């Protein structure tokens, strides 16, 4: 499974419906699970982003589909980072000429 880090901010619509945010998170977790993925961590944060999540998906297409489904709802805007675990990092660096 590939690891993704999602950085998210509430839109104006998302803030207006803030009390529904926990329900929306549960729906997002279920949607990702239905695609074969899984949330590993979720945090509400202070600073440049309102929320940070770390999740797993089988490939980039699943992660893209999941992100687009979230965007369609209009409550958050996201930035997604593909993450390489330490073992992959070490392999990549070792493969450099």
PDB file of N, CA and C in Angstrom:
ATOM      1  N   UNK A   1       0.849  -1.187   0.000  1.00  0.00           N
ATOM      2  CA  UNK A   1       0.000   0.000   0.000  1.00  0.00           C
ATOM      3  C   UNK A   1       0.894   1.249   0.000  1.00  0.00           C
ATOM      4  N   UNK A   2       0.441   2.240  -0.713  1.00  0.00           N
ATOM      5  CA  UNK A   2       1.151   3.508  -0.784  1.00  0.00           C
ATOM      6  C   UNK A   2       0.610   4.445   0.282  1.00  0.00           C
ATOM      7  N   UNK A   3       1.480   5.239   0.857  1.00  0.00           N
ATOM      8  CA  UNK A   3       1.105   6.169   1.923  1.00  0.00           C
ATOM      9  C   UNK A   3       0.949   7.569   1.333  1.00  0.00           C
ATOM     10  N   UNK A   4      -0.111   8.253   1.734  1.00  0.00           N
ATOM     11  CA  UNK A   4      -0.382   9.624   1.294  1.00  0.00           C
ATOM     12  C   UNK A   4      -0.619  10.501   2.516  1.00  0.00           C
ATOM     13  N   UNK A   5      -0.153  11.727   2.421  1.00  0.00           N
ATOM     14  CA  UNK A   5      -0.390  12.724   3.467  1.00  0.00           C
ATOM     15  C   UNK A   5      -1.309  13.767   2.858  1.00  0.00           C
ATOM     16  N   UNK A   6      -2.451  13.970   3.490  1.00  0.00           N
ATOM     17  CA  UNK A   6      -3.424  14.939   2.995  1.00  0.00           C
ATOM     18  C   UNK A   6      -3.438  16.153   3.920  1.00  0.00           C
ATOM     19  N   UNK A   7      -3.207  17.323   3.339  1.00  0.00           N
ATOM     20  CA  UNK A   7      -3.290  18.593   4.040  1.00  0.00           C
ATOM     21  C   UNK A   7      -4.599  19.232   3.607  1.00  0.00           C
ATOM     22  N   UNK A   8      -5.438  19.652   4.543  1.00  0.00           N
ATOM     23  CA  UNK A   8      -6.770  20.131   4.168  1.00  0.00           C
ATOM     24  C   UNK A   8      -7.127  21.420   4.898  1.00  0.00           C
ATOM     25  N   UNK A   9      -7.901  22.222   4.204  1.00  0.00           N
ATOM     26  CA  UNK A   9      -8.489  23.433   4.786  1.00  0.00           C
ATOM     27  C   UNK A   9      -9.985  23.418   4.525  1.00  0.00           C
ATOM     28  N   UNK A  10     -10.739  23.886   5.513  1.00  0.00           N
ATOM     29  CA  UNK A  10     -12.172  24.037   5.315  1.00  0.00           C
ATOM     30  C   UNK A  10     -12.423  25.159   4.324  1.00  0.00           C
ATOM     31  N   UNK A  11     -13.395  24.982   3.468  1.00  0.00           N
ATOM     32  CA  UNK A  11     -13.878  26.053   2.605  1.00  0.00           C
ATOM     33  C   UNK A  11     -14.879  26.875   3.417  1.00  0.00           C
ATOM     34  N   UNK A  12     -15.379  27.963   2.842  1.00  0.00           N
ATOM     35  CA  UNK A  12     -16.425  28.732   3.527  1.00  0.00           C
ATOM     36  C   UNK A  12     -17.626  27.844   3.825  1.00  0.00           C
ATOM     37  N   UNK A  13     -18.001  27.006   2.870  1.00  0.00           N
ATOM     38  CA  UNK A  13     -19.117  26.073   3.065  1.00  0.00           C
ATOM     39  C   UNK A  13     -18.820  25.120   4.221  1.00  0.00           C
ATOM     40  N   UNK A  14     -17.605  24.605   4.269  1.00  0.00           N
ATOM     41  CA  UNK A  14     -17.225  23.687   5.332  1.00  0.00           C
ATOM     42  C   UNK A  14     -17.284  24.334   6.704  1.00  0.00           C
ATOM     43  N   UNK A  15     -16.889  25.597   6.781  1.00  0.00           N
ATOM     44  CA  UNK A  15     -16.943  26.316   8.059  1.00  0.00           C
ATOM     45  C   UNK A  15     -18.392  26.578   8.470  1.00  0.00           C
ATOM     46  N   UNK A  16     -19.230  26.942   7.485  1.00  0.00           N
ATOM     47  CA  UNK A  16     -20.649  27.180   7.806  1.00  0.00           C
ATOM     48  C   UNK A  16     -21.307  25.925   8.375  1.00  0.00           C
ATOM     49  N   UNK A  17     -20.842  24.773   7.938  1.00  0.00           N
ATOM     50  CA  UNK A  17     -21.403  23.492   8.385  1.00  0.00           C
ATOM     51  C   UNK A  17     -20.414  22.734   9.273  1.00  0.00           C
ATOM     52  N   UNK A  18     -19.701  23.470  10.091  1.00  0.00           N
ATOM     53  CA  UNK A  18     -18.625  22.905  10.900  1.00  0.00           C
ATOM     54  C   UNK A  18     -19.089  21.767  11.804  1.00  0.00           C
ATOM     55  N   UNK A  19     -20.261  21.877  12.369  1.00  0.00           N
ATOM     56  CA  UNK A  19     -20.738  20.833  13.293  1.00  0.00           C
ATOM     57  C   UNK A  19     -20.929  19.497  12.589  1.00  0.00           C
ATOM     58  N   UNK A  20     -21.048  19.520  11.258  1.00  0.00           N
ATOM     59  CA  UNK A  20     -21.196  18.287  10.489  1.00  0.00           C
ATOM     60  C   UNK A  20     -19.851  17.657  10.134  1.00  0.00           C
ATOM     61  N   UNK A  21     -18.767  18.339  10.469  1.00  0.00           N
ATOM     62  CA  UNK A  21     -17.441  17.870  10.081  1.00  0.00           C
ATOM     63  C   UNK A  21     -17.117  16.464  10.592  1.00  0.00           C
ATOM     64  N   UNK A  22     -17.416  16.107  11.848  1.00  0.00           N
ATOM     65  CA  UNK A  22     -17.115  14.735  12.286  1.00  0.00           C
ATOM     66  C   UNK A  22     -17.869  13.676  11.474  1.00  0.00           C
ATOM     67  N   UNK A  23     -19.111  13.966  11.120  1.00  0.00           N
ATOM     68  CA  UNK A  23     -19.878  13.029  10.290  1.00  0.00           C
ATOM     69  C   UNK A  23     -19.243  12.912   8.906  1.00  0.00           C
ATOM     70  N   UNK A  24     -18.804  14.044   8.358  1.00  0.00           N
ATOM     71  CA  UNK A  24     -18.157  14.020   7.047  1.00  0.00           C
ATOM     72  C   UNK A  24     -16.857  13.228   7.093  1.00  0.00           C
ATOM     73  N   UNK A  25     -16.125  13.344   8.189  1.00  0.00           N
ATOM     74  CA  UNK A  25     -14.901  12.558   8.342  1.00  0.00           C
ATOM     75  C   UNK A  25     -15.232  11.071   8.347  1.00  0.00           C
ATOM     76  N   UNK A  26     -16.261  10.685   9.085  1.00  0.00           N
ATOM     77  CA  UNK A  26     -16.662   9.276   9.106  1.00  0.00           C
ATOM     78  C   UNK A  26     -17.037   8.797   7.704  1.00  0.00           C
ATOM     79  N   UNK A  27     -17.742   9.634   6.950  1.00  0.00           N
ATOM     80  CA  UNK A  27     -18.117   9.284   5.577  1.00  0.00           C
ATOM     81  C   UNK A  27     -16.880   9.144   4.686  1.00  0.00           C
ATOM     82  N   UNK A  28     -15.904  10.032   4.876  1.00  0.00           N
ATOM     83  CA  UNK A  28     -14.668   9.957   4.098  1.00  0.00           C
ATOM     84  C   UNK A  28     -13.909   8.677   4.423  1.00  0.00           C
ATOM     85  N   UNK A  29     -13.846   8.331   5.702  1.00  0.00           N
ATOM     86  CA  UNK A  29     -13.165   7.097   6.096  1.00  0.00           C
ATOM     87  C   UNK A  29     -13.829   5.887   5.448  1.00  0.00           C
ATOM     88  N   UNK A  30     -15.152   5.872   5.439  1.00  0.00           N
ATOM     89  CA  UNK A  30     -15.889   4.757   4.832  1.00  0.00           C
ATOM     90  C   UNK A  30     -15.655   4.715   3.321  1.00  0.00           C
ATOM     91  N   UNK A  31     -15.692   5.881   2.670  1.00  0.00           N
ATOM     92  CA  UNK A  31     -15.471   5.936   1.223  1.00  0.00           C
ATOM     93  C   UNK A  31     -14.091   5.388   0.868  1.00  0.00           C
ATOM     94  N   UNK A  32     -13.083   5.788   1.627  1.00  0.00           N
ATOM     95  CA  UNK A  32     -11.729   5.302   1.370  1.00  0.00           C
ATOM     96  C   UNK A  32     -11.648   3.803   1.624  1.00  0.00           C
ATOM     97  N   UNK A  33     -12.275   3.350   2.683  1.00  0.00           N
ATOM     98  CA  UNK A  33     -12.279   1.922   3.001  1.00  0.00           C
ATOM     99  C   UNK A  33     -12.951   1.130   1.871  1.00  0.00           C
ATOM    100  N   UNK A  34     -14.046   1.663   1.321  1.00  0.00           N
ATOM    101  CA  UNK A  34     -14.726   0.999   0.214  1.00  0.00           C
ATOM    102  C   UNK A  34     -13.837   0.893  -1.021  1.00  0.00           C
ATOM    103  N   UNK A  35     -12.850   1.783  -1.134  1.00  0.00           N
ATOM    104  CA  UNK A  35     -11.902   1.750  -2.247  1.00  0.00           C
ATOM    105  C   UNK A  35     -10.685   0.879  -1.928  1.00  0.00           C
ATOM    106  N   UNK A  36     -10.680   0.278  -0.748  1.00  0.00           N
ATOM    107  CA  UNK A  36      -9.569  -0.579  -0.364  1.00  0.00           C
ATOM    108  C   UNK A  36      -8.477   0.135   0.401  1.00  0.00           C
ATOM    109  N   UNK A  37      -8.712   1.405   0.763  1.00  0.00           N
ATOM    110  CA  UNK A  37      -7.724   2.177   1.514  1.00  0.00           C
ATOM    111  C   UNK A  37      -8.085   2.268   2.984  1.00  0.00           C
ATOM    112  N   UNK A  38      -7.264   3.013   3.715  1.00  0.00           N
ATOM    113  CA  UNK A  38      -7.495   3.142   5.157  1.00  0.00           C
ATOM    114  C   UNK A  38      -6.826   4.401   5.699  1.00  0.00           C
ATOM    115  N   UNK A  39      -7.576   5.137   6.515  1.00  0.00           N
ATOM    116  CA  UNK A  39      -6.986   6.246   7.263  1.00  0.00           C
ATOM    117  C   UNK A  39      -6.124   5.649   8.360  1.00  0.00           C
ATOM    118  N   UNK A  40      -4.905   6.146   8.500  1.00  0.00           N
ATOM    119  CA  UNK A  40      -4.020   5.723   9.584  1.00  0.00           C
ATOM    120  C   UNK A  40      -4.018   6.739  10.714  1.00  0.00           C
ATOM    121  N   UNK A  41      -4.020   8.031  10.365  1.00  0.00           N
ATOM    122  CA  UNK A  41      -4.021   9.102  11.352  1.00  0.00           C
ATOM    123  C   UNK A  41      -4.848  10.265  10.824  1.00  0.00           C
ATOM    124  N   UNK A  42      -5.484  10.962  11.726  1.00  0.00           N
ATOM    125  CA  UNK A  42      -6.197  12.189  11.387  1.00  0.00           C
ATOM    126  C   UNK A  42      -5.963  13.177  12.517  1.00  0.00           C
ATOM    127  N   UNK A  43      -5.647  14.424  12.173  1.00  0.00           N
ATOM    128  CA  UNK A  43      -5.421  15.469  13.166  1.00  0.00           C
ATOM    129  C   UNK A  43      -6.111  16.752  12.734  1.00  0.00           C
ATOM    130  N   UNK A  44      -6.742  17.440  13.661  1.00  0.00           N
ATOM    131  CA  UNK A  44      -7.103  18.829  13.447  1.00  0.00           C
ATOM    132  C   UNK A  44      -5.867  19.612  13.860  1.00  0.00           C
ATOM    133  N   UNK A  45      -5.486  20.593  13.053  1.00  0.00           N
ATOM    134  CA  UNK A  45      -4.232  21.292  13.315  1.00  0.00           C
ATOM    135  C   UNK A  45      -4.433  22.799  13.343  1.00  0.00           C
ATOM    136  N   UNK A  46      -3.460  23.481  13.904  1.00  0.00           N
ATOM    137  CA  UNK A  46      -3.424  24.942  13.907  1.00  0.00           C
ATOM    138  C   UNK A  46      -2.266  25.353  13.011  1.00  0.00           C
ATOM    139  N   UNK A  47      -2.448  26.414  12.264  1.00  0.00           N
ATOM    140  CA  UNK A  47      -1.391  26.863  11.364  1.00  0.00           C
ATOM    141  C   UNK A  47      -1.926  27.003   9.958  1.00  0.00           C
ATOM    142  N   UNK A  48      -1.118  26.650   8.975  1.00  0.00           N
ATOM    143  CA  UNK A  48      -1.503  26.819   7.578  1.00  0.00           C
ATOM    144  C   UNK A  48      -2.627  25.878   7.145  1.00  0.00           C
ATOM    145  N   UNK A  49      -2.779  24.750   7.821  1.00  0.00           N
ATOM    146  CA  UNK A  49      -3.798  23.772   7.451  1.00  0.00           C
ATOM    147  C   UNK A  49      -4.696  23.491   8.648  1.00  0.00           C
ATOM    148  N   UNK A  50      -5.973  23.222   8.353  1.00  0.00           N
ATOM    149  CA  UNK A  50      -6.949  22.933   9.400  1.00  0.00           C
ATOM    150  C   UNK A  50      -6.911  21.474   9.826  1.00  0.00           C
ATOM    151  N   UNK A  51      -6.541  20.598   8.882  1.00  0.00           N
ATOM    152  CA  UNK A  51      -6.521  19.161   9.145  1.00  0.00           C
ATOM    153  C   UNK A  51      -5.354  18.521   8.405  1.00  0.00           C
ATOM    154  N   UNK A  52      -4.821  17.458   8.985  1.00  0.00           N
ATOM    155  CA  UNK A  52      -3.782  16.646   8.344  1.00  0.00           C
ATOM    156  C   UNK A  52      -4.180  15.192   8.556  1.00  0.00           C
ATOM    157  N   UNK A  53      -4.123  14.431   7.475  1.00  0.00           N
ATOM    158  CA  UNK A  53      -4.437  13.006   7.568  1.00  0.00           C
ATOM    159  C   UNK A  53      -3.358  12.215   6.857  1.00  0.00           C
ATOM    160  N   UNK A  54      -3.099  11.044   7.367  1.00  0.00           N
ATOM    161  CA  UNK A  54      -2.197  10.097   6.724  1.00  0.00           C
ATOM    162  C   UNK A  54      -3.039   8.880   6.397  1.00  0.00           C
ATOM    163  N   UNK A  55      -3.047   8.496   5.117  1.00  0.00           N
ATOM    164  CA  UNK A  55      -3.848   7.341   4.742  1.00  0.00           C
ATOM    165  C   UNK A  55      -3.101   6.465   3.749  1.00  0.00           C
ATOM    166  N   UNK A  56      -3.580   5.252   3.606  1.00  0.00           N
ATOM    167  CA  UNK A  56      -3.007   4.301   2.662  1.00  0.00           C
ATOM    168  C   UNK A  56      -4.017   4.028   1.558  1.00  0.00           C
ATOM    169  N   UNK A  57      -3.510   3.870   0.355  1.00  0.00           N
ATOM    170  CA  UNK A  57      -4.315   3.460  -0.790  1.00  0.00           C
ATOM    171  C   UNK A  57      -3.460   2.548  -1.652  1.00  0.00           C
ATOM    172  N   UNK A  58      -4.117   1.748  -2.468  1.00  0.00           N
ATOM    173  CA  UNK A  58      -3.371   0.763  -3.260  1.00  0.00           C
ATOM    174  C   UNK A  58      -2.524   1.411  -4.353  1.00  0.00           C
ATOM    175  N   UNK A  59      -2.958   2.583  -4.860  1.00  0.00           N
ATOM    176  CA  UNK A  59      -2.174   3.244  -5.901  1.00  0.00           C
ATOM    177  C   UNK A  59      -2.619   4.696  -6.050  1.00  0.00           C
ATOM    178  N   UNK A  60      -1.929   5.417  -6.943  1.00  0.00           N
ATOM    179  CA  UNK A  60      -2.213   6.838  -7.149  1.00  0.00           C
ATOM    180  C   UNK A  60      -3.623   7.073  -7.686  1.00  0.00           C
ATOM    181  N   UNK A  61      -4.138   6.170  -8.507  1.00  0.00           N
ATOM    182  CA  UNK A  61      -5.483   6.343  -9.069  1.00  0.00           C
ATOM    183  C   UNK A  61      -6.536   6.315  -7.977  1.00  0.00           C
ATOM    184  N   UNK A  62      -6.387   5.421  -7.020  1.00  0.00           N
ATOM    185  CA  UNK A  62      -7.333   5.361  -5.895  1.00  0.00           C
ATOM    186  C   UNK A  62      -7.230   6.644  -5.075  1.00  0.00           C
ATOM    187  N   UNK A  63      -6.019   7.089  -4.798  1.00  0.00           N
ATOM    188  CA  UNK A  63      -5.833   8.328  -4.024  1.00  0.00           C
ATOM    189  C   UNK A  63      -6.438   9.515  -4.770  1.00  0.00           C
ATOM    190  N   UNK A  64      -6.257   9.573  -6.078  1.00  0.00           N
ATOM    191  CA  UNK A  64      -6.824  10.672  -6.862  1.00  0.00           C
ATOM    192  C   UNK A  64      -8.339  10.625  -6.847  1.00  0.00           C
ATOM    193  N   UNK A  65      -8.906   9.453  -7.026  1.00  0.00           N
ATOM    194  CA  UNK A  65     -10.366   9.303  -7.003  1.00  0.00           C
ATOM    195  C   UNK A  65     -10.924   9.722  -5.645  1.00  0.00           C
ATOM    196  N   UNK A  66     -10.270   9.302  -4.583  1.00  0.00           N
ATOM    197  CA  UNK A  66     -10.705   9.654  -3.233  1.00  0.00           C
ATOM    198  C   UNK A  66     -10.654  11.172  -3.032  1.00  0.00           C
ATOM    199  N   UNK A  67      -9.559  11.791  -3.425  1.00  0.00           N
ATOM    200  CA  UNK A  67      -9.398  13.234  -3.275  1.00  0.00           C
ATOM    201  C   UNK A  67     -10.439  13.999  -4.088  1.00  0.00           C
ATOM    202  N   UNK A  68     -10.697  13.545  -5.298  1.00  0.00           N
ATOM    203  CA  UNK A  68     -11.700  14.208  -6.130  1.00  0.00           C
ATOM    204  C   UNK A  68     -13.104  14.076  -5.550  1.00  0.00           C
ATOM    205  N   UNK A  69     -13.395  12.924  -4.948  1.00  0.00           N
ATOM    206  CA  UNK A  69     -14.704  12.763  -4.300  1.00  0.00           C
ATOM    207  C   UNK A  69     -14.854  13.736  -3.139  1.00  0.00           C
ATOM    208  N   UNK A  70     -13.783  13.943  -2.384  1.00  0.00           N
ATOM    209  CA  UNK A  70     -13.834  14.924  -1.295  1.00  0.00           C
ATOM    210  C   UNK A  70     -14.047  16.329  -1.849  1.00  0.00           C
ATOM    211  N   UNK A  71     -13.336  16.659  -2.907  1.00  0.00           N
ATOM    212  CA  UNK A  71     -13.431  17.994  -3.498  1.00  0.00           C
ATOM    213  C   UNK A  71     -14.831  18.279  -4.010  1.00  0.00           C
ATOM    214  N   UNK A  72     -15.484  17.276  -4.599  1.00  0.00           N
ATOM    215  CA  UNK A  72     -16.834  17.461  -5.139  1.00  0.00           C
ATOM    216  C   UNK A  72     -17.831  17.923  -4.078  1.00  0.00           C
ATOM    217  N   UNK A  73     -17.601  17.542  -2.848  1.00  0.00           N
ATOM    218  CA  UNK A  73     -18.535  17.891  -1.766  1.00  0.00           C
ATOM    219  C   UNK A  73     -18.436  19.359  -1.374  1.00  0.00           C
ATOM    220  N   UNK A  74     -17.290  19.981  -1.656  1.00  0.00           N
ATOM    221  CA  UNK A  74     -17.138  21.416  -1.455  1.00  0.00           C
ATOM    222  C   UNK A  74     -16.860  21.892  -0.040  1.00  0.00           C
ATOM    223  N   UNK A  75     -16.571  20.980   0.878  1.00  0.00           N
ATOM    224  CA  UNK A  75     -16.339  21.377   2.270  1.00  0.00           C
ATOM    225  C   UNK A  75     -14.875  21.591   2.616  1.00  0.00           C
ATOM    226  N   UNK A  76     -13.982  20.979   1.850  1.00  0.00           N
ATOM    227  CA  UNK A  76     -12.552  21.142   2.090  1.00  0.00           C
ATOM    228  C   UNK A  76     -11.814  21.255   0.760  1.00  0.00           C
ATOM    229  N   UNK A  77     -10.640  21.848   0.835  1.00  0.00           N
ATOM    230  CA  UNK A  77      -9.680  21.869  -0.270  1.00  0.00           C
ATOM    231  C   UNK A  77      -8.446  21.147   0.250  1.00  0.00           C
ATOM    232  N   UNK A  78      -7.877  20.302  -0.587  1.00  0.00           N
ATOM    233  CA  UNK A  78      -6.773  19.470  -0.115  1.00  0.00           C
ATOM    234  C   UNK A  78      -5.517  19.646  -0.957  1.00  0.00           C
ATOM    235  N   UNK A  79      -4.411  19.279  -0.356  1.00  0.00           N
ATOM    236  CA  UNK A  79      -3.129  19.075  -1.028  1.00  0.00           C
ATOM    237  C   UNK A  79      -2.668  17.702  -0.575  1.00  0.00           C
ATOM    238  N   UNK A  80      -2.279  16.886  -1.529  1.00  0.00           N
ATOM    239  CA  UNK A  80      -1.898  15.517  -1.193  1.00  0.00           C
ATOM    240  C   UNK A  80      -0.436  15.290  -1.531  1.00  0.00           C
ATOM    241  N   UNK A  81       0.264  14.676  -0.613  1.00  0.00           N
ATOM    242  CA  UNK A  81       1.674  14.329  -0.781  1.00  0.00           C
ATOM    243  C   UNK A  81       1.802  12.809  -0.803  1.00  0.00           C
ATOM    244  N   UNK A  82       2.531  12.293  -1.768  1.00  0.00           N
ATOM    245  CA  UNK A  82       2.841  10.867  -1.776  1.00  0.00           C
ATOM    246  C   UNK A  82       4.057  10.682  -0.877  1.00  0.00           C
ATOM    247  N   UNK A  83       3.955   9.767   0.072  1.00  0.00           N
ATOM    248  CA  UNK A  83       5.020   9.593   1.060  1.00  0.00           C
ATOM    249  C   UNK A  83       5.776   8.291   0.811  1.00  0.00           C
ATOM    250  N   UNK A  84       7.079   8.358   0.991  1.00  0.00           N
ATOM    251  CA  UNK A  84       7.935   7.194   0.855  1.00  0.00           C
ATOM    252  C   UNK A  84       8.435   6.811   2.249  1.00  0.00           C
ATOM    253  N   UNK A  85       8.156   5.600   2.714  1.00  0.00           N
ATOM    254  CA  UNK A  85       8.646   5.195   4.034  1.00  0.00           C
ATOM    255  C   UNK A  85      10.174   5.124   4.051  1.00  0.00           C
ATOM    256  N   UNK A  86      10.727   5.041   5.235  1.00  0.00           N
ATOM    257  CA  UNK A  86      12.180   5.080   5.381  1.00  0.00           C
ATOM    258  C   UNK A  86      12.885   4.018   4.544  1.00  0.00           C
ATOM    259  N   UNK A  87      12.332   2.813   4.493  1.00  0.00           N
ATOM    260  CA  UNK A  87      13.003   1.767   3.714  1.00  0.00           C
ATOM    261  C   UNK A  87      13.065   2.147   2.233  1.00  0.00           C
ATOM    262  N   UNK A  88      11.978   2.691   1.695  1.00  0.00           N
ATOM    263  CA  UNK A  88      11.973   3.122   0.293  1.00  0.00           C
ATOM    264  C   UNK A  88      12.933   4.303   0.092  1.00  0.00           C
ATOM    265  N   UNK A  89      12.945   5.213   1.027  1.00  0.00           N
ATOM    266  CA  UNK A  89      13.879   6.344   0.977  1.00  0.00           C
ATOM    267  C   UNK A  89      15.312   5.839   0.880  1.00  0.00           C
ATOM    268  N   UNK A  90      15.665   4.900   1.736  1.00  0.00           N
ATOM    269  CA  UNK A  90      17.028   4.367   1.735  1.00  0.00           C
ATOM    270  C   UNK A  90      17.359   3.671   0.406  1.00  0.00           C
ATOM    271  N   UNK A  91      16.384   2.914  -0.131  1.00  0.00           N
ATOM    272  CA  UNK A  91      16.603   2.240  -1.415  1.00  0.00           C
ATOM    273  C   UNK A  91      16.784   3.249  -2.551  1.00  0.00           C
ATOM    274  N   UNK A  92      15.975   4.292  -2.540  1.00  0.00           N
ATOM    275  CA  UNK A  92      16.084   5.309  -3.578  1.00  0.00           C
ATOM    276  C   UNK A  92      17.434   6.001  -3.530  1.00  0.00           C
ATOM    277  N   UNK A  93      17.832   6.401  -2.339  1.00  0.00           N
ATOM    278  CA  UNK A  93      19.121   7.102  -2.181  1.00  0.00           C
ATOM    279  C   UNK A  93      20.284   6.163  -2.563  1.00  0.00           C
ATOM    280  N   UNK A  94      20.185   4.898  -2.153  1.00  0.00           N
ATOM    281  CA  UNK A  94      21.258   3.944  -2.462  1.00  0.00           C
ATOM    282  C   UNK A  94      21.374   3.683  -3.963  1.00  0.00           C
ATOM    283  N   UNK A  95      20.283   3.855  -4.702  1.00  0.00           N
ATOM    284  CA  UNK A  95      20.297   3.566  -6.134  1.00  0.00           C
ATOM    285  C   UNK A  95      20.893   4.695  -6.963  1.00  0.00           C
ATOM    286  N   UNK A  96      21.177   5.830  -6.334  1.00  0.00           N
ATOM    287  CA  UNK A  96      21.738   6.953  -7.069  1.00  0.00           C
ATOM    288  C   UNK A  96      23.172   6.663  -7.499  1.00  0.00           C
ATOM    289  N   UNK A  97      23.502   7.076  -8.685  1.00  0.00           N
ATOM    290  CA  UNK A  97      24.859   6.821  -9.203  1.00  0.00           C
ATOM    291  C   UNK A  97      25.840   7.803  -8.600  1.00  0.00           C
TER     292      UNK A  97
END
